Protein backbone atom coordinates (compact mmCIF):
# COMPACT_ATOMS: atom_id res chain seq x y z
CA MET A 1 0.00 0.00 0.00
CA HIS A 2 1.68 3.22 -1.13
CA ALA A 3 0.78 6.85 -0.54
CA HIS A 4 1.73 7.65 -4.12
CA THR A 5 -0.78 5.09 -5.41
CA ILE A 6 -3.59 6.49 -3.25
CA ALA A 7 -2.90 9.98 -4.57
CA GLU A 8 -2.93 8.68 -8.15
CA PHE A 9 -6.24 6.86 -7.58
CA ILE A 10 -7.94 9.98 -6.24
CA LEU A 11 -6.55 12.18 -9.00
CA LYS A 12 -7.73 9.64 -11.56
CA GLY A 13 -11.19 9.80 -9.99
CA PHE A 14 -11.15 13.58 -10.21
CA LYS A 15 -10.06 13.48 -13.86
CA LYS A 16 -12.99 11.21 -14.71
CA HIS A 17 -15.36 13.48 -12.77
CA TYR A 18 -14.20 16.63 -14.54
CA GLN A 19 -14.26 15.11 -18.02
CA LEU A 20 -17.77 13.76 -17.53
CA PHE A 21 -18.91 17.05 -16.01
CA GLN A 22 -17.64 18.95 -19.03
CA ASN A 23 -19.25 16.40 -21.35
CA ILE A 24 -22.59 17.00 -19.63
CA THR A 25 -22.10 20.76 -19.86
CA ALA A 26 -21.30 20.47 -23.58
CA GLN A 27 -24.85 19.20 -24.16
CA ALA A 28 -26.28 22.62 -23.23
CA PRO A 29 -25.41 24.33 -26.56
CA VAL A 30 -27.10 21.47 -28.42
CA ALA A 31 -30.27 21.77 -26.34
CA PHE A 32 -30.25 25.55 -26.88
CA ALA A 33 -29.87 25.15 -30.65
CA GLU A 34 -32.68 22.59 -30.77
CA GLN A 35 -34.85 24.59 -28.33
CA ASP A 36 -35.12 21.47 -26.20
CA TRP A 37 -35.88 23.26 -22.93
CA PRO A 38 -36.80 20.16 -20.89
CA GLN A 39 -33.41 18.72 -21.88
CA MET A 40 -31.74 21.95 -20.73
CA HIS A 41 -33.30 21.48 -17.29
CA LYS A 42 -32.28 17.81 -17.26
CA ILE A 43 -28.65 18.74 -18.01
CA SER A 44 -28.66 21.30 -15.19
CA HIS A 45 -30.12 18.76 -12.76
CA LEU A 46 -27.63 16.07 -13.78
CA ARG A 47 -24.65 18.34 -13.14
CA ILE A 48 -25.74 18.89 -9.53
CA SER A 49 -25.96 15.18 -8.65
CA HIS A 50 -22.90 14.18 -10.69
CA TYR A 51 -20.21 15.10 -8.16
CA ASP A 52 -21.35 12.82 -5.32
CA ASP A 53 -21.63 9.89 -7.71
CA ARG A 54 -17.99 10.28 -8.78
CA VAL A 55 -16.74 10.66 -5.19
CA ASN A 56 -18.55 7.48 -4.13
CA GLU A 57 -17.22 5.67 -7.20
CA THR A 58 -13.64 6.69 -6.31
CA ILE A 59 -14.08 5.42 -2.74
CA ILE A 60 -15.32 2.08 -4.04
CA GLN A 61 -12.28 1.83 -6.31
CA LEU A 62 -9.93 2.62 -3.41
CA LYS A 63 -11.52 -0.07 -1.27
CA LYS A 64 -11.44 -2.64 -4.07
CA ALA A 65 -7.72 -1.97 -4.44
CA HIS A 66 -7.33 -2.33 -0.65
CA LEU A 67 -6.04 1.24 -0.43
CA ALA A 68 -8.62 2.53 2.05
CA PHE A 69 -10.53 1.21 5.05
CA SER A 70 -13.23 3.40 6.56
CA ASP A 71 -12.77 2.04 10.08
CA GLN A 72 -9.12 2.94 10.48
CA LEU A 73 -6.60 5.58 9.41
CA ASP A 74 -2.91 5.02 8.84
CA GLU A 75 -1.80 8.56 9.68
CA THR A 76 1.68 8.24 8.19
CA LEU A 77 0.27 6.85 4.96
CA TRP A 78 -2.38 9.54 4.50
CA LEU A 79 -0.07 12.38 5.50
CA ALA A 80 2.24 11.23 2.71
CA SER A 81 -0.71 10.75 0.33
CA LYS A 82 -1.68 14.39 0.70
CA GLN A 83 1.91 15.47 0.03
CA HIS A 84 2.06 13.41 -3.17
CA TYR A 85 -1.33 14.72 -4.30
CA GLN A 86 -0.23 18.28 -3.65
CA GLN A 87 2.80 17.78 -5.88
CA PHE A 88 0.55 16.51 -8.69
CA LEU A 89 -1.39 19.78 -8.59
CA GLN A 90 1.46 22.26 -9.03
CA PHE A 91 0.62 22.84 -12.70
CA HIS A 92 -2.85 21.33 -12.88
CA PRO A 93 -5.44 23.53 -14.67
CA GLN A 94 -8.19 22.52 -12.23
CA ALA A 95 -6.02 22.26 -9.12
CA GLU A 96 -8.43 23.99 -6.74
CA LEU A 97 -11.27 21.66 -7.76
CA ALA A 98 -8.97 18.65 -7.40
CA GLU A 99 -8.18 19.71 -3.81
CA THR A 100 -11.89 19.77 -3.01
CA PHE A 101 -12.37 16.34 -4.58
CA TYR A 102 -9.58 14.94 -2.37
CA ASN A 103 -11.27 16.46 0.67
CA SER A 104 -14.59 14.85 -0.24
CA VAL A 105 -13.06 11.39 -0.63
CA PHE A 106 -11.12 11.63 2.65
CA CYS A 107 -14.03 13.04 4.67
CA ARG A 108 -16.33 10.22 3.62
CA LEU A 109 -13.75 7.64 4.61
CA PHE A 110 -12.64 8.85 8.02
CA HIS A 111 -13.80 10.41 11.28
CA ARG A 112 -14.15 14.18 11.59
CA ARG A 113 -11.33 14.35 14.17
CA TYR A 114 -8.97 14.05 11.19
CA PHE A 115 -10.58 16.94 9.30
CA ASN A 116 -7.64 19.30 9.67
CA ASN A 117 -5.03 20.75 7.37
CA ASN A 118 -2.63 17.88 7.98
CA PHE A 119 -4.90 15.45 6.16
CA ILE A 120 -7.12 17.58 3.93
CA PHE A 121 -6.94 20.93 2.19
CA VAL A 122 -8.68 23.08 4.78
CA GLU A 123 -6.37 25.77 3.49
CA THR A 124 -5.47 25.68 -0.17
CA SER A 125 -1.95 24.66 -1.09
CA LEU A 126 -2.16 26.94 -4.14
CA ALA A 127 -1.88 30.34 -2.46
CA ASP A 128 1.72 30.76 -3.59
CA ALA A 129 1.43 28.79 -6.82
CA PRO A 130 1.61 30.69 -10.13
CA ALA A 131 -1.93 31.66 -11.11
CA LEU A 132 -3.30 30.47 -14.40
CA PRO A 133 -3.44 33.40 -16.84
CA ILE A 134 -7.00 34.65 -17.29
CA GLU A 135 -6.12 35.09 -20.96
CA ALA A 136 -6.64 31.32 -21.19
CA GLU A 137 -10.38 31.93 -20.92
CA TYR A 138 -10.96 35.00 -23.07
CA ARG A 139 -10.12 36.34 -26.50
CA SER A 140 -9.41 39.96 -27.40
CA PHE A 141 -10.82 41.84 -30.38
CA PHE A 142 -9.53 45.17 -31.74
CA PRO A 143 -12.02 47.48 -33.53
CA VAL A 144 -9.13 49.60 -34.83
CA ILE A 145 -8.46 46.88 -37.41
CA ASP A 146 -11.91 46.32 -38.95
CA GLY A 147 -14.16 48.96 -37.37
CA LEU A 148 -16.71 48.73 -34.55
CA LYS A 149 -19.69 46.97 -36.16
CA PRO A 150 -17.60 44.44 -38.16
CA THR A 151 -15.72 43.62 -34.96
CA ILE A 152 -18.96 43.04 -33.05
CA LYS A 153 -20.16 40.79 -35.88
CA LYS A 154 -16.89 38.88 -35.65
CA ILE A 155 -17.38 38.47 -31.90
CA ILE A 156 -20.91 37.10 -32.29
CA SER A 157 -19.88 34.86 -35.18
CA GLN A 158 -17.09 33.20 -33.19
CA PHE A 159 -19.72 31.40 -31.11
CA ASP A 160 -21.12 28.28 -32.72
CA PHE A 161 -24.76 28.59 -31.70
CA ARG A 162 -25.67 25.97 -34.34
CA ALA A 163 -28.59 28.10 -35.50
CA ASP A 164 -29.09 31.19 -37.67
CA PHE A 165 -29.72 34.73 -36.50
CA GLU A 166 -32.97 36.27 -37.66
CA ASN A 167 -31.31 39.61 -38.45
CA LEU A 168 -27.85 40.03 -36.97
CA GLU A 169 -27.20 43.35 -38.72
CA ARG A 170 -30.28 44.85 -37.05
CA ASP A 171 -29.26 43.42 -33.66
CA ILE A 172 -25.76 44.91 -33.93
CA ARG A 173 -27.23 48.34 -34.72
CA LEU A 174 -29.45 48.08 -31.63
CA LEU A 175 -26.50 46.87 -29.57
CA VAL A 176 -24.27 49.79 -30.56
CA LYS A 177 -27.10 52.25 -29.94
CA ALA A 178 -27.65 50.79 -26.46
CA PHE A 179 -23.92 50.92 -25.74
CA TYR A 180 -23.70 54.60 -26.60
CA LYS A 181 -26.66 55.28 -24.33
CA GLN A 182 -25.56 53.14 -21.37
CA ALA A 183 -21.83 53.92 -21.37
CA PRO A 184 -21.52 57.57 -22.41
CA ASP A 185 -18.22 57.99 -20.58
CA THR A 186 -16.47 55.23 -22.50
CA HIS A 187 -14.39 56.31 -25.53
CA HIS A 188 -16.30 55.20 -28.59
CA SER A 189 -13.82 55.63 -31.43
CA ALA A 190 -12.70 52.30 -32.86
CA TRP A 191 -9.05 53.01 -32.14
CA GLN A 192 -9.75 53.82 -28.49
CA MET A 193 -11.04 50.45 -27.27
CA ARG A 194 -10.53 46.70 -27.05
CA PHE A 195 -13.06 43.94 -26.42
CA ASP A 196 -12.20 41.01 -24.12
CA ILE A 197 -14.76 38.24 -24.59
CA LEU A 198 -15.03 34.95 -22.70
CA GLN A 199 -14.65 32.19 -25.25
CA THR A 200 -17.74 30.17 -24.41
CA PRO A 201 -21.32 31.35 -23.79
CA PHE A 202 -23.04 30.90 -20.44
CA TYR A 203 -26.21 28.82 -20.82
CA ARG A 204 -29.19 28.84 -18.45
CA ASN A 205 -32.87 28.11 -18.97
CA LYS A 206 -33.81 29.43 -22.45
CA ALA A 207 -30.91 31.84 -22.95
CA ALA A 208 -27.23 32.00 -23.79
CA TYR A 209 -25.16 34.87 -22.40
CA ILE A 210 -22.07 36.45 -23.94
CA VAL A 211 -19.88 37.91 -21.19
CA GLY A 212 -17.05 40.38 -21.73
CA ARG A 213 -15.66 43.84 -21.16
CA VAL A 214 -14.68 46.94 -23.09
CA VAL A 215 -11.19 48.16 -22.22
CA SER A 216 -10.43 51.81 -23.02
CA SER A 217 -8.37 54.68 -21.70
CA SER A 218 -11.37 55.71 -19.59
CA GLY A 219 -11.47 52.36 -17.79
CA ILE A 220 -13.14 48.96 -17.99
CA GLN A 221 -16.82 48.52 -18.85
CA PRO A 222 -18.21 45.02 -18.18
CA PHE A 223 -21.19 43.81 -20.18
CA ILE A 224 -23.51 40.86 -20.75
CA ILE A 225 -25.40 40.19 -24.00
CA PRO A 226 -28.33 37.73 -23.71
CA VAL A 227 -28.99 35.66 -26.83
CA LEU A 228 -32.44 34.13 -27.21
CA HIS A 229 -33.82 31.58 -29.67
CA HIS A 230 -37.30 32.30 -31.01
CA LYS A 231 -39.26 29.32 -32.26
CA GLN A 232 -40.08 30.90 -35.63
CA HIS A 233 -37.60 33.76 -36.03
CA GLY A 234 -34.34 32.13 -34.92
CA LEU A 235 -31.58 33.69 -32.82
CA TYR A 236 -31.52 37.31 -31.75
CA LEU A 237 -29.63 39.56 -29.35
CA ASP A 238 -32.13 40.51 -26.68
CA ALA A 239 -30.42 43.22 -24.63
CA LEU A 240 -27.18 44.84 -23.51
CA LEU A 241 -26.51 44.85 -19.78
CA THR A 242 -23.78 47.12 -18.45
CA ASN A 243 -25.17 48.03 -15.03
CA SER A 244 -23.07 46.34 -12.34
CA SER A 245 -26.11 45.82 -10.09
CA GLN A 246 -28.00 44.01 -12.87
CA MET A 247 -24.97 41.86 -13.62
CA ARG A 248 -24.72 40.83 -9.97
CA VAL A 249 -28.41 39.88 -9.99
CA ILE A 250 -27.92 37.73 -13.11
CA PHE A 251 -25.06 35.96 -11.32
CA GLY A 252 -27.03 36.02 -8.07
CA PHE A 253 -27.63 33.47 -5.32
CA ALA A 254 -31.31 33.03 -6.21
CA ARG A 255 -30.77 31.69 -9.72
CA ALA A 256 -29.95 28.33 -11.25
CA TYR A 257 -26.30 27.68 -12.01
CA PHE A 258 -24.89 28.64 -15.38
CA MET A 259 -23.63 25.93 -17.71
CA VAL A 260 -20.32 27.03 -19.23
CA GLU A 261 -17.42 24.98 -20.54
CA THR A 262 -14.04 25.86 -19.08
CA HIS A 263 -10.60 24.32 -19.01
CA ALA A 264 -9.30 26.60 -16.25
CA PRO A 265 -12.10 27.46 -13.76
CA SER A 266 -9.85 29.61 -11.56
CA ALA A 267 -8.97 31.83 -14.54
CA LEU A 268 -12.63 32.14 -15.50
CA VAL A 269 -13.59 33.05 -11.92
CA ARG A 270 -10.84 35.66 -11.68
CA PHE A 271 -12.05 37.27 -14.92
CA LEU A 272 -15.62 37.37 -13.58
CA ASN A 273 -14.36 38.76 -10.29
CA GLN A 274 -12.74 41.66 -12.17
CA LEU A 275 -16.14 42.39 -13.73
CA MET A 276 -18.02 41.99 -10.43
CA PRO A 277 -15.53 42.73 -7.62
CA ASN A 278 -18.26 42.58 -4.95
CA LYS A 279 -18.83 38.91 -5.67
CA THR A 280 -16.89 36.42 -3.54
CA LEU A 281 -15.03 33.43 -4.97
CA ALA A 282 -17.65 31.16 -3.41
CA GLU A 283 -20.48 33.02 -5.15
CA LEU A 284 -18.77 32.91 -8.53
CA TYR A 285 -17.86 29.22 -8.38
CA ASN A 286 -21.48 28.52 -7.43
CA ALA A 287 -22.76 30.67 -10.29
CA ILE A 288 -20.86 28.65 -12.92
CA GLY A 289 -21.99 25.31 -11.51
CA PHE A 290 -19.02 24.27 -9.37
CA HIS A 291 -21.11 24.31 -6.22
CA LYS A 292 -18.82 21.92 -4.32
CA GLN A 293 -15.92 24.31 -4.91
CA GLY A 294 -18.27 27.07 -3.82
CA LYS A 295 -18.73 25.18 -0.53
CA THR A 296 -14.98 24.93 -0.06
CA GLU A 297 -14.39 28.61 -0.76
CA PHE A 298 -17.31 29.62 1.45
CA TYR A 299 -16.02 27.60 4.40
CA ARG A 300 -12.58 29.17 4.03
CA GLU A 301 -14.20 32.62 3.95
CA PHE A 302 -16.17 31.72 7.08
CA LEU A 303 -13.07 30.54 8.97
CA THR A 304 -11.22 33.72 7.99
CA HIS A 305 -14.15 35.82 9.16
CA LEU A 306 -14.25 34.04 12.51
CA GLU A 307 -10.58 34.84 13.05
CA ARG A 308 -11.13 38.52 12.24
CA SER A 309 -14.33 39.07 14.24
CA ASP A 310 -15.35 38.75 17.87
CA ASP A 311 -19.16 39.01 17.93
CA ASN A 312 -21.33 36.13 19.14
CA PHE A 313 -23.88 34.01 17.31
CA ILE A 314 -27.51 35.01 17.92
CA ILE A 315 -30.98 33.80 17.01
CA ALA A 316 -31.73 35.11 13.52
CA PRO A 317 -34.19 38.02 13.39
CA GLY A 318 -37.69 37.05 12.30
CA THR A 319 -40.61 34.89 13.37
CA PRO A 320 -39.36 31.50 14.63
CA GLY A 321 -40.34 28.62 12.37
CA MET A 322 -41.77 25.24 13.34
CA VAL A 323 -39.30 23.18 11.29
CA MET A 324 -35.98 25.03 11.34
CA MET A 325 -33.87 26.54 14.11
CA VAL A 326 -32.04 29.51 12.61
CA PHE A 327 -29.09 31.44 14.03
CA THR A 328 -26.64 33.94 12.57
CA LEU A 329 -23.46 35.89 13.23
CA PRO A 330 -24.36 39.60 12.99
CA SER A 331 -21.09 40.53 11.26
CA PHE A 332 -21.46 37.73 8.67
CA GLY A 333 -24.23 38.01 6.07
CA TYR A 334 -25.58 34.47 6.28
CA VAL A 335 -27.92 32.34 8.40
CA PHE A 336 -27.40 28.80 9.67
CA LYS A 337 -30.50 26.60 9.48
CA ILE A 338 -30.84 23.28 11.34
CA ILE A 339 -33.80 20.92 11.14
CA LYS A 340 -35.51 20.71 14.53
CA ASP A 341 -35.80 17.45 16.43
CA LYS A 342 -39.59 17.87 16.60
CA PHE A 343 -41.93 19.86 14.36
CA GLY A 344 -45.04 21.83 15.22
CA GLU A 345 -48.39 20.05 15.00
CA SER A 346 -49.29 21.85 11.76
CA LYS A 347 -46.36 20.19 9.97
CA PRO A 348 -47.51 16.62 9.21
CA PHE A 349 -44.21 15.39 7.79
CA GLY A 350 -40.74 14.41 8.96
CA ARG A 351 -37.06 15.13 8.49
CA ASP A 352 -36.72 13.10 5.29
CA THR A 353 -39.44 15.16 3.60
CA VAL A 354 -37.65 18.40 4.51
CA LEU A 355 -34.36 17.09 3.10
CA LYS A 356 -36.07 16.10 -0.17
CA ARG A 357 -37.79 19.47 -0.51
CA TYR A 358 -34.58 21.42 -0.02
CA GLN A 359 -32.92 19.19 -2.62
CA LEU A 360 -35.84 19.81 -4.98
CA VAL A 361 -35.18 23.55 -4.86
CA LYS A 362 -31.42 23.03 -5.20
CA SER A 363 -31.83 21.24 -8.51
CA HIS A 364 -34.71 23.35 -9.85
CA ASP A 365 -34.84 26.56 -11.85
CA ARG A 366 -34.91 29.14 -9.04
CA VAL A 367 -35.78 32.04 -11.42
CA GLY A 368 -34.17 34.62 -9.15
CA ARG A 369 -36.84 34.05 -6.49
CA MET A 370 -35.51 31.18 -4.35
CA ALA A 371 -32.32 31.45 -2.34
CA ASP A 372 -29.58 28.92 -2.94
CA THR A 373 -28.64 26.76 0.03
CA ILE A 374 -25.23 25.37 0.96
CA GLU A 375 -25.55 22.02 2.72
CA TYR A 376 -22.90 20.92 5.22
CA SER A 377 -22.30 18.02 7.60
CA ASN A 378 -20.28 18.07 10.83
CA VAL A 379 -19.64 21.81 10.91
CA VAL A 380 -17.43 22.98 13.78
CA PHE A 381 -18.10 26.26 15.61
CA PRO A 382 -16.16 27.80 18.52
CA LEU A 383 -18.18 27.28 21.71
CA ALA A 384 -16.99 30.62 23.11
CA ARG A 385 -19.00 32.47 20.44
CA PHE A 386 -22.34 31.07 21.76
CA ASP A 387 -23.94 32.67 24.80
CA ASP A 388 -25.87 30.61 27.38
CA ASN A 389 -29.28 31.66 26.04
CA LEU A 390 -28.53 30.54 22.46
CA LEU A 391 -26.95 27.29 23.64
CA SER A 392 -29.99 26.55 25.76
CA GLN A 393 -32.33 27.11 22.83
CA LEU A 394 -30.18 24.98 20.53
CA LYS A 395 -30.12 22.12 23.02
CA SER A 396 -33.89 22.21 23.41
CA THR A 397 -34.68 22.37 19.67
CA ILE A 398 -31.86 20.64 17.76
CA GLY A 399 -30.14 18.64 20.53
CA GLU A 400 -30.08 15.48 18.40
CA SER A 401 -28.15 17.34 15.67
CA MET A 402 -25.59 18.94 17.98
CA VAL A 403 -22.54 17.77 19.89
CA ILE A 404 -20.45 19.83 22.32
CA ASN A 405 -16.88 18.57 22.43
CA ASN A 406 -14.55 20.52 24.73
CA ASP A 407 -14.46 24.05 23.29
CA LEU A 408 -16.33 23.19 20.08
CA VAL A 409 -19.95 23.03 18.96
CA ILE A 410 -20.42 20.48 16.19
CA ILE A 411 -23.59 20.64 14.09
CA LYS A 412 -24.18 17.32 12.35
CA HIS A 413 -26.19 18.78 9.47
CA LEU A 414 -27.18 22.30 8.45
CA TYR A 415 -28.06 24.60 5.58
CA ILE A 416 -26.51 28.01 5.05
CA GLU A 417 -28.38 30.76 3.21
CA ARG A 418 -27.83 34.40 2.47
CA ARG A 419 -29.28 36.53 5.26
CA MET A 420 -32.12 38.82 4.19
CA THR A 421 -34.59 41.04 6.00
CA PRO A 422 -37.82 39.04 6.49
CA LEU A 423 -40.55 40.71 4.45
CA ASN A 424 -42.91 41.07 7.41
CA LEU A 425 -40.21 42.93 9.38
CA PHE A 426 -39.29 45.06 6.37
CA LEU A 427 -42.90 46.21 6.01
CA GLU A 428 -43.12 47.29 9.66
CA SER A 429 -40.84 50.26 8.94
CA ALA A 430 -41.44 50.67 5.19
CA THR A 431 -42.66 53.90 3.63
CA GLU A 432 -45.81 53.81 1.51
CA ASP A 433 -43.77 53.61 -1.70
CA GLU A 434 -41.53 50.88 -0.27
CA ALA A 435 -44.57 48.88 0.83
CA VAL A 436 -46.19 49.14 -2.60
CA THR A 437 -42.99 48.02 -4.29
CA ALA A 438 -42.42 45.13 -1.85
CA ILE A 439 -45.98 43.78 -1.97
CA THR A 440 -46.03 44.06 -5.77
CA GLU A 441 -42.67 42.25 -5.92
CA TYR A 442 -44.02 39.57 -3.57
CA GLY A 443 -46.86 38.86 -5.97
CA GLN A 444 -44.47 38.83 -8.92
CA ALA A 445 -42.25 36.35 -7.06
CA LEU A 446 -45.24 34.03 -6.62
CA LYS A 447 -46.07 34.28 -10.34
CA GLU A 448 -42.52 33.50 -11.40
CA MET A 449 -42.30 30.46 -9.11
CA ILE A 450 -45.69 29.25 -10.31
CA ALA A 451 -44.52 29.56 -13.92
CA VAL A 452 -41.72 27.05 -13.32
CA ASN A 453 -43.91 24.51 -11.47
CA ILE A 454 -43.07 25.54 -7.91
CA PHE A 455 -45.77 25.88 -5.26
CA PRO A 456 -44.18 27.50 -2.20
CA GLY A 457 -46.72 26.05 0.22
CA ASP A 458 -46.47 28.38 3.16
CA MET A 459 -46.80 31.79 1.51
CA LEU A 460 -46.69 33.87 4.69
CA LEU A 461 -44.67 37.06 4.40
CA LYS A 462 -42.23 35.85 7.06
CA ASN A 463 -40.98 33.18 4.65
CA PHE A 464 -39.84 35.75 2.09
CA GLY A 465 -36.84 38.05 2.40
CA VAL A 466 -35.82 41.40 0.98
CA SER A 467 -32.38 41.24 -0.65
CA ASN A 468 -29.79 44.01 -0.89
CA HIS A 469 -31.14 44.72 -4.37
CA LYS A 470 -34.67 45.02 -2.89
CA ARG A 471 -35.77 41.84 -4.64
CA ILE A 472 -38.25 39.57 -2.86
CA ILE A 473 -36.73 36.11 -2.37
CA PHE A 474 -38.39 32.98 -0.96
CA TYR A 475 -36.25 31.04 1.51
CA ASP A 476 -38.36 28.58 3.53
CA TYR A 477 -38.71 25.29 1.65
CA ASP A 478 -40.20 22.80 4.10
CA GLU A 479 -43.62 22.96 2.38
CA VAL A 480 -42.44 23.37 -1.23
CA GLN A 481 -44.09 21.06 -3.74
CA TYR A 482 -44.53 20.88 -7.49
CA LEU A 483 -47.43 23.07 -8.61
CA SER A 484 -48.63 20.23 -10.82
CA ASP A 485 -49.20 18.04 -7.73
CA MET A 486 -51.64 20.45 -6.09
CA ASN A 487 -55.43 20.61 -6.36
CA PHE A 488 -56.60 24.20 -6.75
CA ARG A 489 -60.26 24.67 -5.85
CA ALA A 490 -62.80 27.45 -5.69
CA LEU A 491 -64.40 28.01 -2.32
CA PRO A 492 -67.78 26.25 -2.20
CA LYS A 493 -70.77 28.56 -2.13
CA ALA A 494 -73.06 28.63 0.90
CA LYS A 495 -75.68 25.89 0.62
CA SER A 496 -78.33 27.88 2.43
CA TYR A 497 -79.13 31.35 3.72
CA ASP A 498 -78.50 30.09 7.26
CA ASP A 499 -75.00 28.91 6.26
CA TYR A 500 -74.33 32.33 4.75
CA LEU A 501 -75.44 34.12 7.93
CA THR A 502 -73.48 31.87 10.30
CA ASN A 503 -70.41 31.51 8.02
CA GLU A 504 -70.30 27.85 9.04
CA GLN A 505 -70.40 26.15 5.70
CA SER A 506 -68.75 22.75 5.92
CA TYR A 507 -66.77 21.16 3.12
CA SER A 508 -64.10 18.51 2.91
CA VAL A 509 -60.48 19.50 2.35
CA ALA A 510 -57.81 17.04 1.16
CA PRO A 511 -54.07 17.54 1.96
CA GLN A 512 -53.25 18.86 -1.54
CA ASP A 513 -56.26 21.20 -1.76
CA VAL A 514 -55.56 24.91 -2.12
CA PHE A 515 -58.11 27.75 -2.20
CA PRO A 516 -56.52 30.80 -3.90
CA GLU A 517 -59.41 33.03 -2.80
CA GLN A 518 -58.14 32.69 0.78
CA LEU A 519 -54.62 33.88 -0.03
CA CYS A 520 -55.07 37.39 1.33
CA THR A 521 -57.05 36.16 4.31
CA PHE A 522 -54.12 34.15 5.64
CA VAL A 523 -51.15 36.02 4.19
CA MET A 524 -52.25 39.65 4.44
CA PRO A 525 -54.66 40.37 7.23
CA ASN A 526 -53.40 43.98 7.10
CA PRO A 527 -56.02 45.79 4.95
CA ARG A 528 -53.39 48.21 3.59
CA TYR A 529 -51.23 45.39 2.23
CA LYS A 530 -54.30 43.49 1.03
CA ALA A 531 -55.44 46.47 -1.05
CA ILE A 532 -51.99 46.86 -2.65
CA PHE A 533 -51.80 43.15 -3.45
CA THR A 534 -55.35 42.92 -4.81
CA GLN A 535 -54.81 45.87 -7.11
CA ALA A 536 -51.44 44.62 -8.41
CA HIS A 537 -52.20 40.89 -8.73
CA PRO A 538 -55.95 40.17 -8.71
CA GLU A 539 -55.43 37.02 -10.78
CA LEU A 540 -53.57 35.34 -7.89
CA LEU A 541 -56.92 35.23 -6.05
CA ASP A 542 -58.58 33.49 -9.00
CA VAL A 543 -58.53 29.69 -9.05
CA ASN A 544 -58.58 29.76 -12.87
CA PHE A 545 -55.15 31.44 -12.96
CA TRP A 546 -53.56 28.63 -10.94
CA GLN A 547 -55.33 25.92 -12.90
CA GLN A 548 -54.19 27.47 -16.19
CA ALA A 549 -50.61 27.50 -14.89
CA GLN A 550 -50.95 23.76 -14.22
CA LYS A 551 -52.27 23.20 -17.75
CA ASN A 552 -49.32 25.10 -19.21
CA ILE A 553 -46.91 22.88 -17.32
CA LYS A 554 -48.78 19.72 -18.31
CA ASN A 555 -48.64 20.84 -21.97
CA GLY A 556 -44.87 21.31 -21.80
CA VAL A 557 -44.86 25.11 -21.85
CA VAL A 558 -41.48 26.25 -20.48
CA SER A 559 -41.57 29.82 -19.23
CA HIS A 560 -38.59 32.11 -19.55
CA ILE A 561 -38.24 34.57 -16.68
CA TYR A 562 -36.09 37.47 -17.85
CA PRO A 563 -33.38 38.28 -15.27
CA TYR A 564 -33.25 41.90 -16.41
CA PRO A 565 -35.82 44.69 -16.88
CA SER A 566 -38.11 44.35 -19.89
CA THR A 567 -37.37 48.00 -20.71
CA GLN A 568 -33.87 46.97 -21.78
CA ARG A 569 -35.02 44.39 -24.31
CA PHE A 570 -34.34 45.34 -27.93
CA ILE A 571 -37.29 43.55 -29.51
CA LYS A 572 -40.56 43.38 -27.62
CA HIS A 573 -43.12 42.52 -30.28
CA TRP A 574 -42.59 38.74 -30.18
């Protein structure tokens, strides 16, 4: 049994994982060209489950070769194995992902007491390694040679979309016009600029996105160009996005992961980080589909933050839920959610159902309205950062999921989400204009989730948050189900005048029954909010609207939720 052989086995497993992952990703352009939107969703779903399958496969191979035994650890052997593996990664184009893969294999084999930097890559070994040049991921174009519009045409034509544009000349004219309007401070003469364009499009849902930047003497102007595929008209450029806030929303935590082919993920992420410097490495790796690397980067960011802060964990602001115990660190913009040992009486399901529903959202199109979750096992926290009150509450609600070991609190399983202001708390101090915007956004969030076959279940305002961009995001998934599985009903009419007077009509209600007419009654008892909602979204109180949404889904209608304002679209008549 040799450490070198173990390292080779794990690296071989990673190589297979990455090649297969890229092969899956390479199917996205084909689905886009063929307008096979169900296949696009299937590809996205497959990429999420792929990683764990390859890790488990590698462990099986190690055990078959008698190179690993889960009930014992040869410390000398595995210390040497990590050293050999580290040497293999010195000039590896996916070194950071390979470190994470090694961690996953090791952590599934051995006890958490060995989860330290001696045996796994808690800290990256690549901090001092030469960075891969970001030029590996983009190509530069120079308008001084051919002129502005011919250069833009050359840029668009370099991408093999495997379909024809309806009118590319028209689209380029609209693009240039939008650029002049949106970036008036950028030098516009052909000899005063350069275009840096990422070599492969970013695919998601029913769109492809061209991502790049304009470099000029006045600075750097990032941009995104969405490309859509109309059933009759073919391809067309739909918009130009140069606003940094809009770009961050498109790459946001409430959207499905992009599908983009890359040989050097670290170079791609560094390029994106230059365009969106407020985004963390974890957020960017997540955005391009490397969510396991996102977990690794997030945990490193969390450990660094703990070292540089001294505040204590507290119960997260908001109305306590009946399924999750939620705490947060005030100086760190995330919440930690743990499934309670026992649920409230109104929750007729168990832990396994909650796990499945959170996984459903993870692998679904989140349309910018459902927060991404990061799932961890055996997370270690410093005991000194928990006060007696919080510890007492944790012991009484999630005691079965928590272990206190000397000066550490170990949570066996948890979810981490971006911290937002609960909508009900936001409204308590909102101005009239802010309330109108928030309630209108809340209704729009429901419509967009409904359009992609998501029924949120518990639609109370406390289960929605207000993001930094003032978007309304759903974050409580314990009652999420597919819209197509629900039974939407109209409220039965009173059978008699006496029933009408007493308001005691009786009718049977099955578990999947939903009465849209009662939405405001339960969600918005405040008459001010009810009036805003009813005026903005009266159809959400109509059972026919929900039933029609189910019919659309049954008939294979795939909705496209635009992640940018409709006012920025070039062509609106289709």
